[in-house]
């Protein structure tokens, strides 16, 4: 497991530019399933981190579980070790460091699994990760219903109401809806650095974060062109409803899978 010191940075709110015009045809081939999501697992990983390869099979197994969203988020801060991560994104460094600030941590580590935006474990520790998923999913599904499907050239996202009895968020807090384009599968042969000669075998690799808007706690509908999910290498997407405060991501309140996931 590797550690890196947290540095101040702006929150990961940027929407990355769209690409791959042909992606829309792929997405419109099927509608999204209405399967309730009970937990979301985010794995922060790096091709330059030797310990991260033990986390790859954990994520592949989690991705097969019904009602679970397993996301791989490659970071770039280990690139100086001799191998530049071919899928790493700076915006994912920012997301992980924002999680660290939210829990008062001074360092970030790889591999790190974050469950539902609020619970953390070493990503290669299968028992610890599965225990957090089980603890989270005992109140399954996630508290706010979210559905998403492709209608024509639009991705249509429906978000339900805040559960009765739940307090309103504080003024400095906000709940945001995110479209997360991803690459469903990719094997990468690592040709240099400490992991040279090994293969990273990924599932659901995050390729960007596209903010759809704020959610006020009332039923809401969001529409975005299919092309918004067409980031480089992306061939799928999920939707996340996430609580945030002062630029720090918090609890994931709801989620939906896109076609083919």
Protein backbone atom coordinates (compact mmCIF):
# COMPACT_ATOMS: atom_id res chain seq x y z
CA UNK A 1 0.00 0.00 0.00
CA UNK A 2 1.40 3.40 -0.95
CA UNK A 3 0.72 6.76 0.68
CA UNK A 4 0.83 10.30 -0.64
CA UNK A 5 0.57 13.60 1.23
CA UNK A 6 -2.65 15.58 0.70
CA UNK A 7 -2.22 18.94 -1.03
CA UNK A 8 -4.80 21.76 -1.19
CA UNK A 9 -6.79 21.75 -4.41
CA UNK A 10 -10.07 22.79 -5.90
CA UNK A 11 -13.02 20.36 -5.72
CA UNK A 12 -13.50 17.89 -8.56
CA UNK A 13 -16.38 19.67 -10.23
CA UNK A 14 -15.15 20.08 -13.77
CA UNK A 15 -17.02 18.42 -16.62
CA UNK A 16 -14.51 17.06 -19.11
CA UNK A 17 -15.01 17.72 -22.85
CA UNK A 18 -17.05 15.31 -24.93
CA UNK A 19 -15.61 13.10 -27.65
CA UNK A 20 -16.26 9.94 -29.68
CA UNK A 21 -19.28 10.88 -31.74
CA UNK A 22 -20.16 7.26 -32.45
CA UNK A 23 -20.72 6.54 -28.76
CA UNK A 24 -24.37 7.59 -28.94
CA UNK A 25 -25.25 4.67 -31.21
CA UNK A 26 -23.85 2.25 -28.66
CA UNK A 27 -25.78 3.75 -25.78
CA UNK A 28 -29.12 3.86 -27.55
CA UNK A 29 -29.02 0.14 -28.26
CA UNK A 30 -30.55 -0.67 -24.86
CA UNK A 31 -32.31 1.01 -21.97
CA UNK A 32 -30.88 1.18 -18.46
CA UNK A 33 -32.00 -1.45 -16.00
CA UNK A 34 -34.15 -0.34 -13.09
CA UNK A 35 -32.20 -2.53 -10.67
CA UNK A 36 -32.03 -0.88 -7.22
CA UNK A 37 -28.45 -0.11 -6.18
CA UNK A 38 -27.49 -1.08 -2.64
CA UNK A 39 -23.87 0.14 -2.56
CA UNK A 40 -21.20 1.94 -4.60
CA UNK A 41 -17.52 1.00 -4.30
CA UNK A 42 -14.81 3.31 -5.67
CA UNK A 43 -11.30 1.88 -5.97
CA UNK A 44 -8.47 4.42 -6.22
CA UNK A 45 -5.59 2.64 -7.91
CA UNK A 46 -2.47 3.15 -10.02
CA UNK A 47 -0.56 1.11 -12.55
CA UNK A 48 2.63 2.28 -10.82
CA UNK A 49 1.58 0.84 -7.46
CA UNK A 50 2.68 -2.78 -7.03
CA UNK A 51 0.16 -3.39 -4.22
CA UNK A 52 -2.73 -2.35 -6.46
CA UNK A 53 -2.72 -5.48 -8.59
CA UNK A 54 -4.10 -7.47 -5.65
CA UNK A 55 -7.15 -5.16 -5.66
CA UNK A 56 -8.03 -5.81 -9.32
CA UNK A 57 -9.68 -9.24 -8.76
CA UNK A 58 -11.60 -7.86 -5.77
CA UNK A 59 -13.20 -5.24 -8.01
CA UNK A 60 -13.91 -7.72 -10.80
CA UNK A 61 -15.81 -9.92 -8.34
CA UNK A 62 -17.71 -7.00 -6.84
CA UNK A 63 -18.74 -5.81 -10.29
CA UNK A 64 -20.56 -9.11 -10.86
CA UNK A 65 -22.76 -8.72 -7.78
CA UNK A 66 -26.37 -7.63 -8.45
CA UNK A 67 -27.28 -4.25 -7.07
CA UNK A 68 -23.66 -3.16 -6.65
CA UNK A 69 -21.72 -0.54 -8.60
CA UNK A 70 -17.94 -1.07 -8.59
CA UNK A 71 -15.85 1.75 -10.08
CA UNK A 72 -12.11 1.90 -10.76
CA UNK A 73 -10.51 5.34 -10.45
CA UNK A 74 -6.89 5.46 -11.71
CA UNK A 75 -4.76 8.25 -10.20
CA UNK A 76 -1.58 9.84 -11.52
CA UNK A 77 0.49 10.80 -8.47
CA UNK A 78 2.69 7.69 -8.70
CA UNK A 79 3.70 8.41 -12.30
CA UNK A 80 7.12 9.64 -11.14
CA UNK A 81 8.07 6.08 -10.15
CA UNK A 82 8.90 5.22 -13.74
CA UNK A 83 5.60 4.43 -15.45
CA UNK A 84 2.93 6.90 -16.52
CA UNK A 85 -0.52 5.48 -15.81
CA UNK A 86 -2.20 5.13 -19.20
CA UNK A 87 -5.69 5.67 -17.73
CA UNK A 88 -4.89 8.05 -14.85
CA UNK A 89 -6.80 11.33 -14.55
CA UNK A 90 -5.89 14.32 -12.38
CA UNK A 91 -9.57 14.88 -11.61
CA UNK A 92 -9.57 11.51 -9.83
CA UNK A 93 -6.55 12.57 -7.75
CA UNK A 94 -8.66 15.54 -6.68
CA UNK A 95 -11.63 13.36 -5.83
CA UNK A 96 -9.56 11.06 -3.63
CA UNK A 97 -7.88 13.96 -1.85
CA UNK A 98 -11.25 15.60 -1.29
CA UNK A 99 -12.42 12.37 0.36
CA UNK A 100 -9.30 12.49 2.54
CA UNK A 101 -10.00 16.07 3.61
CA UNK A 102 -13.59 15.13 4.42
CA UNK A 103 -12.43 12.52 6.95
CA UNK A 104 -9.54 14.63 8.27
CA UNK A 105 -6.80 12.45 6.78
CA UNK A 106 -3.42 13.95 5.81
CA UNK A 107 -2.52 11.26 3.29
CA UNK A 108 -4.08 9.34 0.44
CA UNK A 109 -3.25 5.70 -0.26
CA UNK A 110 -3.48 3.18 -3.05
CA UNK A 111 -5.23 0.86 -3.37
CA UNK A 112 -8.08 2.50 -1.46
CA UNK A 113 -11.72 1.44 -1.58
CA UNK A 114 -14.37 4.01 -0.64
CA UNK A 115 -17.85 2.58 -0.06
CA UNK A 116 -20.87 4.86 -0.54
CA UNK A 117 -18.64 7.92 -0.25
CA UNK A 118 -18.22 7.53 3.49
CA UNK A 119 -16.46 4.26 4.45
CA UNK A 120 -12.86 3.38 3.59
CA UNK A 121 -10.70 0.25 3.49
CA UNK A 122 -7.53 -1.01 1.82
CA UNK A 123 -8.74 -2.00 -1.63
CA UNK A 124 -6.81 -5.28 -1.73
CA UNK A 125 -8.27 -6.44 1.60
CA UNK A 126 -11.20 -8.43 0.25
CA UNK A 127 -12.73 -9.22 3.64
CA UNK A 128 -12.60 -5.60 4.80
CA UNK A 129 -14.14 -4.27 1.59
CA UNK A 130 -16.88 -6.91 1.50
CA UNK A 131 -17.66 -6.24 5.17
CA UNK A 132 -18.16 -2.53 4.45
CA UNK A 133 -20.39 -3.38 1.49
CA UNK A 134 -22.46 -5.73 3.64
CA UNK A 135 -22.76 -3.14 6.40
CA UNK A 136 -23.86 -0.53 3.89
CA UNK A 137 -26.33 -2.76 2.04
CA UNK A 138 -28.16 -3.89 5.17
CA UNK A 139 -30.37 -0.85 4.64
CA UNK A 140 -30.55 -1.54 0.88
CA UNK A 141 -31.20 -0.01 -1.46
CA UNK A 142 -29.51 3.41 -1.17
CA UNK A 143 -31.96 5.83 0.47
CA UNK A 144 -32.94 7.92 -2.57
CA UNK A 145 -34.29 6.13 -5.67
CA UNK A 146 -32.49 7.01 -8.90
CA UNK A 147 -33.24 5.70 -12.38
CA UNK A 148 -31.57 6.45 -15.71
CA UNK A 149 -32.28 5.45 -19.29
CA UNK A 150 -31.60 6.51 -22.85
CA UNK A 151 -34.53 8.10 -24.69
CA UNK A 152 -33.65 9.06 -28.23
CA UNK A 153 -30.51 11.16 -28.05
CA UNK A 154 -30.95 12.00 -24.37
CA UNK A 155 -29.97 10.36 -21.10
CA UNK A 156 -32.92 10.88 -18.76
CA UNK A 157 -32.29 10.70 -15.02
CA UNK A 158 -35.12 10.56 -12.48
CA UNK A 159 -34.36 11.23 -8.80
CA UNK A 160 -36.92 10.58 -6.09
CA UNK A 161 -37.71 12.58 -2.96
CA UNK A 162 -35.71 12.76 0.24
CA UNK A 163 -36.94 10.03 2.62
CA UNK A 164 -39.42 11.18 5.26
CA UNK A 165 -37.78 12.15 8.52
CA UNK A 166 -34.40 12.91 6.97
CA UNK A 167 -33.10 16.39 7.91
CA UNK A 168 -32.63 19.08 5.30
CA UNK A 169 -28.98 19.68 4.36
CA UNK A 170 -27.18 22.63 5.94
CA UNK A 171 -26.81 25.80 3.82
CA UNK A 172 -23.14 25.06 3.11
CA UNK A 173 -24.05 21.55 1.94
CA UNK A 174 -25.38 20.49 -1.44
CA UNK A 175 -26.56 17.30 -3.06
CA UNK A 176 -25.36 16.87 -6.62
CA UNK A 177 -26.20 14.55 -9.51
CA UNK A 178 -23.24 13.25 -11.52
CA UNK A 179 -22.96 11.37 -14.78
CA UNK A 180 -19.88 9.13 -14.66
CA UNK A 181 -18.66 7.88 -18.07
CA UNK A 182 -16.63 4.70 -17.82
CA UNK A 183 -14.71 2.05 -19.71
CA UNK A 184 -16.26 -1.31 -18.90
CA UNK A 185 -13.13 -3.44 -19.25
CA UNK A 186 -9.47 -2.89 -20.04
CA UNK A 187 -6.29 -4.92 -19.59
CA UNK A 188 -3.08 -2.88 -19.52
CA UNK A 189 0.40 -4.35 -19.80
CA UNK A 190 2.70 -2.28 -17.61
CA UNK A 191 6.06 -1.91 -19.31
CA UNK A 192 8.06 0.09 -16.79
CA UNK A 193 8.46 1.16 -13.18
CA UNK A 194 8.00 -1.01 -10.11
CA UNK A 195 5.14 -2.97 -11.72
CA UNK A 196 6.91 -3.53 -15.04
CA UNK A 197 5.91 -6.81 -16.70
CA UNK A 198 2.61 -7.11 -14.83
CA UNK A 199 -0.91 -6.65 -16.21
CA UNK A 200 -3.62 -4.44 -14.71
CA UNK A 201 -7.02 -5.97 -15.41
CA UNK A 202 -9.68 -3.33 -14.81
CA UNK A 203 -13.46 -3.11 -14.73
CA UNK A 204 -15.59 0.06 -14.92
CA UNK A 205 -12.74 2.53 -15.27
CA UNK A 206 -13.94 6.10 -14.65
CA UNK A 207 -13.13 8.42 -17.56
CA UNK A 208 -14.53 11.66 -16.18
CA UNK A 209 -17.13 13.34 -13.97
CA UNK A 210 -19.98 15.30 -15.55
CA UNK A 211 -22.10 17.36 -13.14
CA UNK A 212 -25.79 17.33 -14.11
CA UNK A 213 -27.05 19.67 -11.40
CA UNK A 214 -28.23 20.14 -7.84
CA UNK A 215 -30.93 18.08 -6.15
CA UNK A 216 -33.09 19.90 -3.61
CA UNK A 217 -34.68 16.87 -1.98
CA UNK A 218 -37.78 16.95 -4.15
CA UNK A 219 -38.44 14.62 -7.10
CA UNK A 220 -36.39 15.85 -10.05
CA UNK A 221 -35.64 15.03 -13.66
CA UNK A 222 -32.36 15.70 -15.45
CA UNK A 223 -31.75 15.37 -19.17
CA UNK A 224 -28.39 15.45 -20.89
CA UNK A 225 -27.36 14.59 -24.46
CA UNK A 226 -25.95 11.09 -24.92
CA UNK A 227 -22.83 12.78 -26.26
CA UNK A 228 -22.08 14.07 -22.73
CA UNK A 229 -21.05 10.53 -21.79
CA UNK A 230 -18.82 10.14 -24.85
CA UNK A 231 -15.50 10.89 -23.18
CA UNK A 232 -12.32 9.27 -24.54
CA UNK A 233 -12.39 5.45 -24.22
CA UNK A 234 -15.81 5.47 -22.50
CA UNK A 235 -18.33 2.80 -23.49
CA UNK A 236 -20.72 2.98 -20.54
CA UNK A 237 -21.86 5.18 -17.65
CA UNK A 238 -23.47 5.32 -14.24
CA UNK A 239 -25.27 8.08 -12.35
CA UNK A 240 -24.48 9.09 -8.77
CA UNK A 241 -26.44 11.27 -6.36
CA UNK A 242 -23.92 12.46 -3.77
CA UNK A 243 -24.00 14.71 -0.75
CA UNK A 244 -21.24 17.28 -0.53
CA UNK A 245 -20.07 20.01 1.80
CA UNK A 246 -17.60 22.80 1.09
CA UNK A 247 -16.20 21.00 -1.93
CA UNK A 248 -15.81 17.68 -0.13
CA UNK A 249 -17.72 14.67 -1.46
CA UNK A 250 -19.80 12.85 1.14
CA UNK A 251 -22.37 10.09 1.36
CA UNK A 252 -23.68 8.64 -1.89
CA UNK A 253 -27.45 8.82 -1.54
CA UNK A 254 -28.52 7.06 -4.73
CA UNK A 255 -27.15 5.59 -7.95
CA UNK A 256 -28.20 4.01 -11.22
CA UNK A 257 -26.48 1.83 -13.81
CA UNK A 258 -26.37 2.59 -17.48
CA UNK A 259 -26.94 0.03 -20.27
CA UNK A 260 -24.94 -3.16 -20.15
CA UNK A 261 -23.69 -2.87 -16.57
